[in-house]
């Protein structure tokens, strides 16, 4: 079957989380590959839009704000600017880089949720969750620590044990404690709204497993693993005070789940761009709802489930959106044979690199491109960085440029000399011809 020809391409790159800077793992895994692809399409004179932005809601933002004694808005304002400036310095050529705390995004995401709610696409359910009686609030996953039931690490979080890597729920922890007050939380009933992923499982199997066998093995394999299990409804709201308020009566004190509102940021940022530059981009709907548009998500492998299962179900439930044609996902980049870890500050941060190595952005872009973790986890070392710079950029590429310039200079000179000789000969011939007497009577 012939490949479909699209009129335009919408390219998104995963929204970095605004509770810290971005590092070389982010750059190698998502942003450089996306930028290369977009630049390639632009060189071909194709119609393409490149969307980026900061993800600014969720529990880690509130955790950092509490630790620093500032507001969540202070946190995201600081890191949104840092991230945006870093991307600009490294030449990531977004058409727009916005944020999920914008007024446009808040309204757009709330309207999306309300549409699903009004059409009965969401399931209301009351469950028991951990509650801090001293702080008088429900505890999100990261506000609970305790002993991992699998490896017995005593510092496991309510969503994951960083020692053994297991995904957890707060109620699984042994001897759970609230990170807010230090007290032992209790179970308390609360109501939330769920996206019934199970109702879309057959459609997902057909769309992905039958329709997109060309996707990268890591993407296709992870989707297949999930779809071979029974999908369960997933809560799209949380008991928090930082985020987009749930636009439903009786939902006071609740906000949209960060993984509901964040991917909608791709669309709301498109709305913002088209509103600000309508003469260039036209209406936003053609970039997201026109079957002649190709949608491509560039992500890290930790975001595969959200971009290939949850967000597509959200778009399918809405009813008007095109599905992603491809979801390129790279593996992870390690640093000096050790996993990059933001909690351990084991990373090469872009904003620090810009200070320590001014003017060397393209060197890092080259090294990360040459060593891209496309099919397996790769490793970044400063020795390799030095060698590639000296041996490949300075020696090989520098020699190529030097030879090309020398040959250009040499043959330009030869051509100029040849041209001047022809001009002189032509002039002499003309002059001689004019001076000769006519042989006619």
Protein backbone atom coordinates (compact mmCIF):
# COMPACT_ATOMS: atom_id res chain seq x y z
CA UNK A 1 0.00 0.00 0.00
CA UNK A 2 1.37 3.43 -0.97
CA UNK A 3 2.40 5.69 1.88
CA UNK A 4 -0.03 8.53 2.48
CA UNK A 5 1.09 11.99 1.40
CA UNK A 6 0.41 14.64 4.04
CA UNK A 7 -0.02 18.36 3.43
CA UNK A 8 1.62 19.39 6.70
CA UNK A 9 3.33 18.00 9.81
CA UNK A 10 2.78 18.85 13.47
CA UNK A 11 5.85 17.96 15.54
CA UNK A 12 5.79 17.96 19.34
CA UNK A 13 8.58 17.30 21.81
CA UNK A 14 7.91 16.15 25.37
CA UNK A 15 7.20 19.03 27.75
CA UNK A 16 10.09 19.24 30.24
CA UNK A 17 9.03 19.39 33.87
CA UNK A 18 9.58 22.84 35.37
CA UNK A 19 10.99 21.81 38.76
CA UNK A 20 14.59 21.82 37.54
CA UNK A 21 16.79 22.47 34.54
CA UNK A 22 17.23 20.25 31.49
CA UNK A 23 20.29 18.04 31.03
CA UNK A 24 22.14 16.26 28.24
CA UNK A 25 19.91 13.19 28.57
CA UNK A 26 16.88 15.31 27.66
CA UNK A 27 18.76 16.94 24.78
CA UNK A 28 20.01 13.65 23.30
CA UNK A 29 16.80 11.71 23.84
CA UNK A 30 14.18 14.17 22.64
CA UNK A 31 15.07 17.70 21.62
CA UNK A 32 18.00 17.33 19.23
CA UNK A 33 16.29 14.49 17.26
CA UNK A 34 13.10 16.54 17.01
CA UNK A 35 14.99 19.65 15.97
CA UNK A 36 16.97 17.76 13.29
CA UNK A 37 13.74 16.31 11.86
CA UNK A 38 12.02 19.71 11.79
CA UNK A 39 15.03 21.38 10.15
CA UNK A 40 15.05 18.62 7.53
CA UNK A 41 11.37 19.24 6.71
CA UNK A 42 11.96 22.98 6.49
CA UNK A 43 14.87 22.47 4.09
CA UNK A 44 12.48 20.48 1.90
CA UNK A 45 10.11 23.49 2.01
CA UNK A 46 7.42 21.41 3.71
CA UNK A 47 4.72 22.88 5.94
CA UNK A 48 5.72 22.05 9.52
CA UNK A 49 5.00 23.37 13.02
CA UNK A 50 7.31 22.61 15.97
CA UNK A 51 5.60 22.78 19.38
CA UNK A 52 7.30 22.92 22.79
CA UNK A 53 6.56 24.16 26.28
CA UNK A 54 7.02 23.63 30.01
CA UNK A 55 4.95 21.21 32.09
CA UNK A 56 4.21 23.19 35.26
CA UNK A 57 1.69 21.29 37.36
CA UNK A 58 1.87 18.24 39.60
CA UNK A 59 3.22 17.15 42.95
CA UNK A 60 7.01 17.57 42.47
CA UNK A 61 6.41 21.30 41.92
CA UNK A 62 4.63 21.59 45.27
CA UNK A 63 7.29 19.48 46.98
CA UNK A 64 10.06 21.81 45.83
CA UNK A 65 8.03 24.90 46.72
CA UNK A 66 7.42 23.57 50.23
CA UNK A 67 11.11 22.78 50.72
CA UNK A 68 12.20 26.25 49.57
CA UNK A 69 9.43 28.14 51.37
CA UNK A 70 8.15 29.73 48.15
CA UNK A 71 5.02 29.36 46.02
CA UNK A 72 4.63 26.81 43.23
CA UNK A 73 4.30 29.72 40.79
CA UNK A 74 7.70 31.00 41.92
CA UNK A 75 9.18 27.58 41.17
CA UNK A 76 7.78 27.26 37.65
CA UNK A 77 8.56 30.88 36.76
CA UNK A 78 12.20 30.28 37.62
CA UNK A 79 12.62 27.01 35.78
CA UNK A 80 10.46 27.87 32.77
CA UNK A 81 12.80 30.76 31.99
CA UNK A 82 15.90 28.64 32.61
CA UNK A 83 14.66 25.85 30.34
CA UNK A 84 13.47 28.18 27.60
CA UNK A 85 16.77 30.10 27.59
CA UNK A 86 18.76 26.84 27.44
CA UNK A 87 16.80 25.61 24.42
CA UNK A 88 17.27 28.93 22.63
CA UNK A 89 21.04 28.85 23.28
CA UNK A 90 21.28 25.31 21.89
CA UNK A 91 19.34 26.22 18.75
CA UNK A 92 16.23 24.12 19.37
CA UNK A 93 14.08 25.88 16.81
CA UNK A 94 10.59 25.79 18.31
CA UNK A 95 7.90 27.79 16.56
CA UNK A 96 6.48 28.33 20.04
CA UNK A 97 7.68 27.47 23.52
CA UNK A 98 4.90 28.22 25.99
CA UNK A 99 3.73 26.86 29.35
CA UNK A 100 0.87 25.02 31.03
CA UNK A 101 0.23 27.82 33.53
CA UNK A 102 -0.89 30.11 30.71
CA UNK A 103 -4.45 31.37 30.67
CA UNK A 104 -4.98 29.85 27.22
CA UNK A 105 -3.95 26.42 28.45
CA UNK A 106 -6.03 26.53 31.64
CA UNK A 107 -9.20 27.29 29.72
CA UNK A 108 -8.49 24.84 26.91
CA UNK A 109 -7.70 21.92 29.25
CA UNK A 110 -10.70 22.64 31.48
CA UNK A 111 -13.01 22.77 28.44
CA UNK A 112 -11.63 19.44 27.20
CA UNK A 113 -12.34 17.79 30.56
CA UNK A 114 -15.80 19.32 30.74
CA UNK A 115 -16.66 18.01 27.26
CA UNK A 116 -15.73 14.46 28.27
CA UNK A 117 -17.65 14.86 31.52
CA UNK A 118 -20.80 16.21 29.84
CA UNK A 119 -20.76 13.39 27.27
CA UNK A 120 -20.44 10.69 29.94
CA UNK A 121 -16.95 9.67 28.80
CA UNK A 122 -15.57 9.76 32.35
CA UNK A 123 -16.35 7.44 35.27
CA UNK A 124 -16.95 8.84 38.76
CA UNK A 125 -15.56 6.65 41.51
CA UNK A 126 -15.04 6.92 45.27
CA UNK A 127 -11.90 5.28 46.66
CA UNK A 128 -9.87 5.31 49.85
CA UNK A 129 -6.63 7.26 49.80
CA UNK A 130 -4.03 8.20 52.39
CA UNK A 131 -4.86 11.35 54.32
CA UNK A 132 -2.68 13.45 56.64
CA UNK A 133 -4.84 14.40 59.62
CA UNK A 134 -2.32 16.92 60.92
CA UNK A 135 -1.92 18.73 57.58
CA UNK A 136 -5.59 18.14 56.78
CA UNK A 137 -5.02 17.07 53.18
CA UNK A 138 -4.95 13.99 51.00
CA UNK A 139 -1.45 12.83 50.17
CA UNK A 140 -0.32 12.53 46.58
CA UNK A 141 2.11 9.73 45.78
CA UNK A 142 5.27 11.77 46.36
CA UNK A 143 4.03 13.00 49.75
CA UNK A 144 4.27 9.47 51.12
CA UNK A 145 7.40 7.50 51.95
CA UNK A 146 7.83 4.11 53.54
CA UNK A 147 9.33 0.67 53.21
CA UNK A 148 9.21 -0.95 49.77
CA UNK A 149 7.28 -4.24 49.99
CA UNK A 150 9.63 -5.82 47.40
CA UNK A 151 13.23 -4.83 48.26
CA UNK A 152 12.49 -3.36 51.73
CA UNK A 153 14.18 -0.07 50.95
CA UNK A 154 12.95 2.22 53.74
CA UNK A 155 13.03 5.36 51.62
CA UNK A 156 10.63 4.34 48.86
CA UNK A 157 8.16 6.88 47.52
CA UNK A 158 4.45 6.30 47.09
CA UNK A 159 4.79 6.00 43.32
CA UNK A 160 8.12 4.22 42.90
CA UNK A 161 11.02 2.64 44.74
CA UNK A 162 14.16 4.25 43.34
CA UNK A 163 16.29 1.36 44.64
CA UNK A 164 14.60 -1.56 42.88
CA UNK A 165 12.67 0.47 40.27
CA UNK A 166 9.23 -1.03 41.04
CA UNK A 167 6.12 1.07 40.40
CA UNK A 168 4.13 1.37 43.63
CA UNK A 169 0.95 2.84 45.03
CA UNK A 170 1.04 4.64 48.42
CA UNK A 171 -1.14 2.01 50.09
CA UNK A 172 1.42 -0.70 49.26
CA UNK A 173 4.14 0.89 51.41
CA UNK A 174 5.01 -0.65 54.77
CA UNK A 175 4.89 1.86 57.64
CA UNK A 176 3.96 4.85 55.42
CA UNK A 177 4.75 8.36 56.63
CA UNK A 178 3.62 11.77 55.42
CA UNK A 179 6.49 13.88 54.13
CA UNK A 180 4.51 16.98 55.13
CA UNK A 181 4.05 16.38 58.86
CA UNK A 182 5.89 13.12 59.47
CA UNK A 183 2.75 11.56 60.87
CA UNK A 184 1.24 8.21 59.93
CA UNK A 185 -1.54 8.82 57.38
CA UNK A 186 -4.96 7.21 57.54
CA UNK A 187 -7.28 5.96 54.80
CA UNK A 188 -10.11 8.31 53.88
CA UNK A 189 -12.72 8.22 51.14
CA UNK A 190 -12.50 10.66 48.24
CA UNK A 191 -14.20 11.04 44.86
CA UNK A 192 -12.37 11.35 41.53
CA UNK A 193 -13.09 11.01 37.81
CA UNK A 194 -11.50 8.24 35.76
CA UNK A 195 -10.76 7.72 32.08
CA UNK A 196 -11.98 4.18 31.25
CA UNK A 197 -8.96 2.91 29.30
CA UNK A 198 -10.48 -0.59 29.34
CA UNK A 199 -13.29 0.57 27.03
CA UNK A 200 -10.75 1.55 24.36
CA UNK A 201 -8.50 -1.51 24.60
CA UNK A 202 -9.77 -3.24 21.45
CA UNK A 203 -9.47 -0.03 19.46
CA UNK A 204 -5.91 0.52 20.78
CA UNK A 205 -4.91 -3.02 19.79
CA UNK A 206 -6.18 -2.51 16.26
CA UNK A 207 -4.72 0.98 15.89
CA UNK A 208 -1.26 0.22 17.32
CA UNK A 209 -0.59 -3.51 17.07
CA UNK A 210 -2.12 -3.90 13.61
CA UNK A 211 -1.80 -0.41 12.20
CA UNK A 212 1.66 0.69 13.36
CA UNK A 213 4.03 -2.23 13.18
CA UNK A 214 6.59 0.18 11.72
CA UNK A 215 7.02 1.98 15.05
CA UNK A 216 10.36 1.59 16.81
CA UNK A 217 10.72 -1.74 18.65
CA UNK A 218 10.92 -0.10 22.09
CA UNK A 219 7.68 1.82 21.47
CA UNK A 220 5.78 -1.03 19.84
CA UNK A 221 7.03 -3.53 22.44
CA UNK A 222 6.01 -1.44 25.43
CA UNK A 223 2.57 -0.79 23.94
CA UNK A 224 2.15 -4.50 23.20
CA UNK A 225 3.08 -5.37 26.78
CA UNK A 226 0.46 -2.99 28.17
CA UNK A 227 -2.24 -4.04 25.71
CA UNK A 228 -1.75 -7.71 26.49
CA UNK A 229 -2.79 -6.93 30.08
CA UNK A 230 -6.26 -5.75 31.08
CA UNK A 231 -6.21 -1.96 31.03
CA UNK A 232 -7.86 -0.31 34.02
CA UNK A 233 -9.61 3.07 34.40
CA UNK A 234 -7.10 5.78 35.36
CA UNK A 235 -7.90 8.79 37.55
CA UNK A 236 -7.84 12.08 35.66
CA UNK A 237 -8.23 14.23 38.80
CA UNK A 238 -6.21 14.63 42.00
CA UNK A 239 -6.78 16.00 45.49
CA UNK A 240 -4.31 18.90 45.25
CA UNK A 241 -4.35 22.68 45.39
CA UNK A 242 -1.82 23.27 42.57
CA UNK A 243 -3.06 22.74 39.04
CA UNK A 244 -6.12 23.38 36.90
CA UNK A 245 -9.29 23.23 39.01
CA UNK A 246 -11.67 20.46 37.99
CA UNK A 247 -14.55 22.28 36.21
CA UNK A 248 -17.30 20.20 37.82
CA UNK A 249 -19.70 20.98 40.65
CA UNK A 250 -18.67 19.23 43.87
CA UNK A 251 -15.02 18.98 42.84
CA UNK A 252 -13.68 21.72 45.08
CA UNK A 253 -10.09 21.11 46.19
CA UNK A 254 -9.36 18.92 43.17
CA UNK A 255 -7.27 19.59 40.07
CA UNK A 256 -6.76 17.87 36.72
CA UNK A 257 -4.21 15.04 36.78
CA UNK A 258 -0.94 16.41 35.41
CA UNK A 259 -0.88 13.71 32.72
CA UNK A 260 -4.32 14.82 31.59
CA UNK A 261 -3.46 18.50 31.29
CA UNK A 262 0.19 18.27 30.10
CA UNK A 263 -0.31 16.66 26.64
CA UNK A 264 -3.22 19.02 26.01
CA UNK A 265 -0.48 21.66 26.27
CA UNK A 266 0.65 20.69 22.77
CA UNK A 267 -2.74 21.75 21.44
CA UNK A 268 -3.19 24.84 23.61
CA UNK A 269 0.28 26.07 22.61
CA UNK A 270 -0.77 25.65 18.96
CA UNK A 271 -3.90 27.69 19.72
CA UNK A 272 -1.71 30.41 21.23
CA UNK A 273 0.67 30.44 18.25
CA UNK A 274 -2.13 30.62 15.68
CA UNK A 275 -3.86 33.37 17.63
CA UNK A 276 -0.65 35.45 17.73
CA UNK A 277 0.38 34.82 14.09
CA UNK A 278 -2.80 33.95 12.15
CA UNK A 279 -1.43 35.18 8.82
CA UNK A 280 1.43 32.65 8.98
CA UNK A 281 -0.20 29.62 10.61
CA UNK A 282 -3.92 29.90 9.88
CA UNK A 283 -6.43 28.20 12.19
CA UNK A 284 -5.17 25.78 14.85
CA UNK A 285 -7.69 23.08 13.95
CA UNK A 286 -5.92 22.18 10.71
CA UNK A 287 -2.80 21.25 12.71
CA UNK A 288 -4.69 18.85 15.00
CA UNK A 289 -7.98 17.86 13.40
CA UNK A 290 -7.28 17.64 9.65
CA UNK A 291 -6.63 14.16 8.25
CA UNK A 292 -4.10 15.70 5.85
CA UNK A 293 -1.87 16.56 8.84
CA UNK A 294 0.79 14.16 10.08
CA UNK A 295 1.27 14.22 13.87
CA UNK A 296 4.65 13.14 15.29
CA UNK A 297 5.54 13.03 19.02
CA UNK A 298 9.24 12.98 20.03
CA UNK A 299 9.54 11.58 23.56
CA UNK A 300 11.75 9.68 26.00
CA UNK A 301 10.99 6.02 26.64
CA UNK A 302 9.55 6.79 30.09
CA UNK A 303 6.71 8.67 28.37
CA UNK A 304 5.66 5.98 25.87
CA UNK A 305 2.52 4.86 27.72
CA UNK A 306 1.22 8.40 28.13
CA UNK A 307 1.70 9.35 24.47
CA UNK A 308 0.66 6.05 22.90
CA UNK A 309 -2.19 4.97 25.16
CA UNK A 310 -3.53 7.65 27.53
CA UNK A 311 -3.36 10.74 25.30
CA UNK A 312 -4.71 8.90 22.21
CA UNK A 313 -7.65 7.66 24.32
CA UNK A 314 -8.26 11.25 25.44
CA UNK A 315 -8.28 12.38 21.80
CA UNK A 316 -10.44 9.46 20.71
CA UNK A 317 -12.94 10.19 23.50
CA UNK A 318 -13.04 13.84 22.45
CA UNK A 319 -13.83 12.75 18.91
CA UNK A 320 -12.25 15.38 16.67
CA UNK A 321 -8.52 14.78 16.82
CA UNK A 322 -6.10 12.96 14.52
CA UNK A 323 -3.93 10.21 15.99
CA UNK A 324 -0.12 10.33 16.01
CA UNK A 325 1.38 8.82 12.88
CA UNK A 326 4.63 8.09 14.69
CA UNK A 327 6.04 8.37 18.21
CA UNK A 328 9.86 8.23 17.97
CA UNK A 329 11.32 7.39 21.37
CA UNK A 330 15.00 7.11 22.18
CA UNK A 331 16.58 5.12 24.99
CA UNK A 332 18.40 6.72 27.93
CA UNK A 333 21.80 8.41 27.97
CA UNK A 334 24.07 7.54 30.90
CA UNK A 335 26.80 9.78 32.27
CA UNK A 336 30.25 8.29 32.89
CA UNK A 337 28.75 4.75 33.09
CA UNK A 338 26.17 5.78 35.69
CA UNK A 339 22.48 6.51 35.25
CA UNK A 340 21.69 10.23 35.06
CA UNK A 341 19.84 11.16 38.25
CA UNK A 342 18.36 14.56 39.01
CA UNK A 343 17.79 13.62 42.68
CA UNK A 344 21.54 12.84 43.04
CA UNK A 345 22.48 15.83 40.87
CA UNK A 346 24.35 13.45 38.56
CA UNK A 347 23.87 15.21 35.25
CA UNK A 348 25.39 17.71 32.86
CA UNK A 349 22.94 20.60 33.13
CA UNK A 350 22.58 22.73 30.03
CA UNK A 351 22.50 26.04 31.90
CA UNK A 352 25.78 25.13 33.64
CA UNK A 353 27.41 23.92 30.42
CA UNK A 354 26.61 27.28 28.82
CA UNK A 355 28.53 29.03 31.60
CA UNK A 356 31.49 26.62 31.67
CA UNK A 357 31.86 26.26 27.88
CA UNK A 358 30.57 29.42 26.22
CA UNK A 359 30.19 29.22 22.47
CA UNK A 360 30.51 25.42 22.43
CA UNK A 361 26.82 24.58 21.93
CA UNK A 362 27.32 23.03 18.50
CA UNK A 363 30.14 20.83 19.81
CA UNK A 364 27.78 19.27 22.35
CA UNK A 365 24.99 18.98 19.76
CA UNK A 366 27.39 17.12 17.47
CA UNK A 367 28.60 14.71 20.15
CA UNK A 368 25.07 13.94 21.35
CA UNK A 369 23.92 13.38 17.77
CA UNK A 370 26.86 11.10 16.96
CA UNK A 371 26.25 9.17 20.18
CA UNK A 372 22.45 9.23 20.11
CA UNK A 373 20.76 6.47 22.19
CA UNK A 374 18.45 5.42 19.36
CA UNK A 375 18.40 1.64 19.83
CA UNK A 376 19.99 1.15 23.25
CA UNK A 377 21.13 3.11 26.27
CA UNK A 378 24.36 4.95 25.40
CA UNK A 379 27.04 6.53 27.53
CA UNK A 380 28.41 10.08 27.62
CA UNK A 381 31.96 10.59 28.88
CA UNK A 382 34.09 13.69 28.88
CA UNK A 383 36.95 11.68 27.30
CA UNK A 384 34.69 10.79 24.35
CA UNK A 385 33.52 14.42 24.18
CA UNK A 386 37.16 15.53 23.96
CA UNK A 387 38.12 12.87 21.42
CA UNK A 388 35.18 13.57 19.11
CA UNK A 389 35.91 17.28 19.24
CA UNK A 390 39.63 16.88 18.51
CA UNK A 391 39.54 13.90 16.14
CA UNK A 392 36.29 14.43 14.27
CA UNK A 393 35.37 18.11 14.37
CA UNK A 394 38.87 19.66 14.43
CA UNK A 395 40.81 16.99 12.52
CA UNK A 396 38.42 15.34 10.07
CA UNK A 397 35.84 18.08 9.52
CA UNK A 398 38.38 20.87 9.93
CA UNK A 399 40.68 19.19 7.39
CA UNK A 400 37.77 18.75 4.98
CA UNK A 401 36.86 22.43 5.22
CA UNK A 402 40.49 23.50 4.86
CA UNK A 403 41.02 21.30 1.78
CA UNK A 404 37.79 22.52 0.21
CA UNK A 405 38.79 26.14 0.75
CA UNK A 406 42.32 25.56 -0.58
CA UNK A 407 40.99 23.82 -3.71
CA UNK A 408 38.43 26.58 -4.19
CA UNK A 409 41.17 29.20 -3.90
CA UNK A 410 43.47 27.33 -6.29
CA UNK A 411 40.93 26.64 -9.01
CA UNK A 412 39.29 30.02 -8.64
CA UNK A 413 42.67 31.56 -9.34
CA UNK A 414 43.22 29.26 -12.33
CA UNK A 415 39.77 30.07 -13.65
CA UNK A 416 40.34 33.78 -13.18
CA UNK A 417 43.69 33.60 -15.00
CA UNK A 418 42.15 31.58 -17.81
CA UNK A 419 39.27 34.03 -18.08
CA UNK A 420 41.60 37.03 -18.19
CA UNK A 421 43.67 35.33 -20.91
CA UNK A 422 40.59 34.75 -23.02
CA UNK A 423 39.49 38.35 -22.57
CA UNK A 424 42.93 39.66 -23.60
CA UNK A 425 43.03 37.39 -26.65
CA UNK A 426 39.53 38.45 -27.64
CA UNK A 427 40.50 42.12 -27.26
CA UNK A 428 43.67 41.68 -29.31
CA UNK A 429 41.81 39.81 -32.03
CA UNK A 430 39.19 42.52 -32.25
CA UNK A 431 41.79 45.28 -32.42
CA UNK A 432 43.82 43.52 -35.08
CA UNK A 433 40.76 42.91 -37.16
CA UNK A 434 39.75 46.57 -37.03
CA UNK A 435 43.22 47.76 -38.14
CA UNK A 436 43.41 45.57 -41.27
CA UNK A 437 42.52 47.28 -44.59
CA UNK A 438 39.58 45.96 -46.44
CA UNK A 439 40.38 43.67 -49.38
CA UNK A 440 37.26 44.69 -51.19
CA UNK A 441 37.56 47.04 -54.13
